[in-house]
Amino acid sequence: MRVNKQYGLAIFLALAVMLVVACRSAPTPVPTEVPTAVPTVAAPTNTPEPTATTAPTNTPVPTATIALPTNTPEPTLAPTPVPTIDLEAAKSDQPPHVFVGTAKINGVAAPRGTIISALIGGQIAATGLVEDAGKFTAIKVEIPGYPVTFQIGDLDASQPPITTVIGEATVLDLNASRN
């Protein structure tokens, strides 16, 4: 049977249209949300490869260190003590340093008979005796080159230390106070 060419062409076109319609997909809907940014991944960094050496490298081993607290002493106003000396051996055959003057306790003349002591390194080097009106007899220190402090009875005098000098004489107005 012979088919008319036009008839065949019409069937062929109809089949092609149906095929196109059947194969066509549904339209893509338009999104209503704004898409969020996609995080980017950083490119990996190149870590250098270790280099071989001919000699081994010593890696220091850490040692534990314990810091102990230090006790800082409170500052004191006391003078630095003079090392203990043998006063008898330190005496000189040269002329002594002589001290004369007055002694007061709480601003009043020290009583007659009060002992005035010259001290070197906390040791009594020489003494004098209060006479009338707070005046004391000559105190002769025969040990040159050391700082001397003074006591009126058992009270420390406020006089700063005086370093003894061979053949020198010093006039003092010693003061002490009972607190």
Protein backbone atom coordinates (compact mmCIF):
# COMPACT_ATOMS: atom_id res chain seq x y z
CA MET A 1 0.00 0.00 0.00
CA ARG A 2 1.15 3.13 -1.00
CA VAL A 3 0.88 6.08 1.22
CA ASN A 4 0.63 9.43 -0.08
CA LYS A 5 3.74 11.45 0.58
CA GLN A 6 1.88 14.33 2.00
CA TYR A 7 -0.09 12.07 4.22
CA GLY A 8 3.11 10.48 5.56
CA LEU A 9 4.70 13.83 6.12
CA ALA A 10 1.69 14.98 8.15
CA ILE A 11 1.84 11.90 10.35
CA PHE A 12 5.54 12.35 10.77
CA LEU A 13 5.15 15.99 11.87
CA ALA A 14 2.34 15.08 14.25
CA LEU A 15 4.47 12.42 15.87
CA ALA A 16 7.42 14.83 16.14
CA VAL A 17 5.25 17.48 17.81
CA MET A 18 3.90 14.93 20.26
CA LEU A 19 7.42 13.75 21.01
CA VAL A 20 8.60 17.29 21.64
CA VAL A 21 5.62 18.01 23.89
CA ALA A 22 6.05 14.78 25.82
CA CYS A 23 9.79 15.28 26.35
CA ARG A 24 9.53 18.88 27.38
CA SER A 25 10.19 19.44 31.13
CA ALA A 26 8.18 21.66 33.46
CA PRO A 27 9.37 25.27 33.62
CA THR A 28 11.84 26.03 36.43
CA PRO A 29 10.19 28.17 39.13
CA VAL A 30 11.82 31.50 39.99
CA PRO A 31 13.24 31.40 43.56
CA THR A 32 11.66 33.81 46.04
CA GLU A 33 14.48 33.61 48.63
CA VAL A 34 17.85 35.26 48.26
CA PRO A 35 20.49 32.57 48.30
CA THR A 36 23.10 32.84 51.09
CA ALA A 37 26.76 33.14 50.32
CA VAL A 38 28.53 29.87 50.00
CA PRO A 39 31.54 29.76 52.33
CA THR A 40 34.85 29.58 50.62
CA VAL A 41 37.52 27.21 51.73
CA ALA A 42 41.00 28.66 52.07
CA ALA A 43 43.58 27.09 49.92
CA PRO A 44 45.93 24.92 51.95
CA THR A 45 49.36 26.37 52.69
CA ASN A 46 52.43 24.49 51.82
CA THR A 47 54.37 23.28 54.84
CA PRO A 48 58.04 23.06 54.08
CA GLU A 49 59.44 19.58 54.07
CA PRO A 50 62.13 18.88 56.68
CA THR A 51 65.63 19.02 55.35
CA ALA A 52 67.98 16.18 56.15
CA THR A 53 71.26 17.15 57.83
CA THR A 54 74.45 15.24 58.26
CA ALA A 55 74.79 15.98 62.00
CA PRO A 56 72.05 15.45 64.59
CA THR A 57 70.57 18.54 66.19
CA ASN A 58 70.35 18.53 69.97
CA THR A 59 66.97 19.66 71.16
CA PRO A 60 67.23 21.25 74.62
CA VAL A 61 65.23 19.46 77.27
CA PRO A 62 63.23 21.92 79.37
CA THR A 63 64.00 21.89 83.06
CA ALA A 64 61.51 22.81 85.72
CA THR A 65 62.39 25.97 87.63
CA ILE A 66 60.63 26.78 90.84
CA ALA A 67 60.71 30.42 91.83
CA LEU A 68 60.73 30.72 95.58
CA PRO A 69 59.38 33.90 97.11
CA THR A 70 61.96 36.16 98.64
CA ASN A 71 61.46 37.83 101.95
CA THR A 72 62.45 41.43 101.60
CA PRO A 73 63.45 42.79 104.99
CA GLU A 74 61.82 45.97 106.13
CA PRO A 75 64.18 48.94 106.03
CA THR A 76 65.44 49.95 109.43
CA LEU A 77 66.60 53.31 110.65
CA ALA A 78 69.26 51.79 112.90
CA PRO A 79 72.85 52.54 111.89
CA THR A 80 74.89 49.76 110.38
CA PRO A 81 76.65 48.04 113.28
CA VAL A 82 80.43 48.17 113.43
CA PRO A 83 81.99 44.72 113.57
CA THR A 84 83.05 43.69 117.05
CA ILE A 85 86.65 44.62 117.65
CA ASP A 86 89.11 43.88 120.42
CA LEU A 87 89.15 47.34 122.02
CA GLU A 88 92.18 46.58 124.18
CA ALA A 89 94.23 45.49 121.16
CA ALA A 90 93.05 48.51 119.12
CA LYS A 91 94.29 51.08 121.67
CA SER A 92 96.95 53.42 120.41
CA ASP A 93 99.94 54.87 122.24
CA GLN A 94 99.23 58.16 120.44
CA PRO A 95 97.28 61.01 122.11
CA PRO A 96 93.56 60.12 122.55
CA HIS A 97 90.51 61.83 121.09
CA VAL A 98 89.03 63.81 124.01
CA PHE A 99 85.32 64.61 124.39
CA VAL A 100 83.97 67.24 126.84
CA GLY A 101 80.62 69.00 127.18
CA THR A 102 77.18 68.76 128.73
CA ALA A 103 74.55 66.06 129.01
CA LYS A 104 70.76 66.53 129.18
CA ILE A 105 67.90 64.08 129.63
CA ASN A 106 64.53 65.34 128.31
CA GLY A 107 66.03 68.83 128.07
CA VAL A 108 67.14 68.92 131.73
CA ALA A 109 70.77 68.69 132.90
CA ALA A 110 71.69 65.09 133.70
CA PRO A 111 72.00 64.53 137.46
CA ARG A 112 75.37 64.59 139.17
CA GLY A 113 77.04 61.16 139.10
CA THR A 114 75.42 60.02 135.80
CA ILE A 115 77.86 57.97 133.70
CA ILE A 116 78.50 59.13 130.13
CA SER A 117 79.76 56.27 127.93
CA ALA A 118 81.59 56.47 124.61
CA LEU A 119 80.76 53.35 122.57
CA ILE A 120 82.56 51.75 119.63
CA GLY A 121 80.59 48.98 117.96
CA GLY A 122 78.25 48.81 120.95
CA GLN A 123 81.17 48.29 123.37
CA ILE A 124 82.19 50.82 126.01
CA ALA A 125 85.49 52.38 124.92
CA ALA A 126 85.69 55.10 127.61
CA THR A 127 83.52 56.82 130.22
CA GLY A 128 83.09 60.19 131.93
CA LEU A 129 81.04 61.37 134.90
CA VAL A 130 78.48 64.19 135.11
CA GLU A 131 79.49 66.90 137.60
CA ASP A 132 77.64 70.12 138.33
CA ALA A 133 75.09 71.63 135.87
CA GLY A 134 75.16 68.59 133.53
CA LYS A 135 78.84 69.05 132.61
CA PHE A 136 80.80 65.81 132.28
CA THR A 137 84.47 65.05 132.82
CA ALA A 138 86.79 64.48 129.87
CA ILE A 139 86.19 61.22 128.03
CA LYS A 140 89.47 59.99 126.50
CA VAL A 141 89.03 57.51 123.63
CA GLU A 142 92.38 55.89 122.86
CA ILE A 143 91.15 53.98 119.77
CA PRO A 144 91.58 56.09 116.60
CA GLY A 145 89.63 55.69 113.36
CA TYR A 146 86.32 54.28 114.65
CA PRO A 147 82.86 55.92 114.89
CA VAL A 148 81.87 56.66 118.49
CA THR A 149 78.31 56.94 119.81
CA PHE A 150 77.31 58.06 123.33
CA GLN A 151 75.00 57.05 126.16
CA ILE A 152 73.79 59.13 129.08
CA GLY A 153 73.25 56.55 131.78
CA ASP A 154 71.38 53.77 129.95
CA LEU A 155 69.84 56.10 127.32
CA ASP A 156 71.24 56.52 123.80
CA ALA A 157 72.25 60.10 123.04
CA SER A 158 70.90 61.65 119.84
CA GLN A 159 74.41 62.75 118.82
CA PRO A 160 75.39 61.25 115.43
CA PRO A 161 78.53 59.08 115.47
CA ILE A 162 81.88 60.88 115.48
CA THR A 163 84.95 59.14 114.06
CA THR A 164 87.90 59.36 116.45
CA VAL A 165 91.10 61.10 115.37
CA ILE A 166 94.47 60.96 117.15
CA GLY A 167 94.97 64.03 119.40
CA GLU A 168 91.64 65.69 118.55
CA ALA A 169 89.21 67.30 121.03
CA THR A 170 85.45 67.70 120.53
CA VAL A 171 82.94 69.69 122.60
CA LEU A 172 79.54 67.95 122.82
CA ASP A 173 76.05 68.92 123.95
CA LEU A 174 74.58 65.42 124.40
CA ASN A 175 70.84 64.93 124.60
CA ALA A 176 68.78 61.83 125.38
CA SER A 177 65.10 61.34 126.11
CA ARG A 178 62.96 58.89 128.03
CA ASN A 179 59.93 57.99 125.96
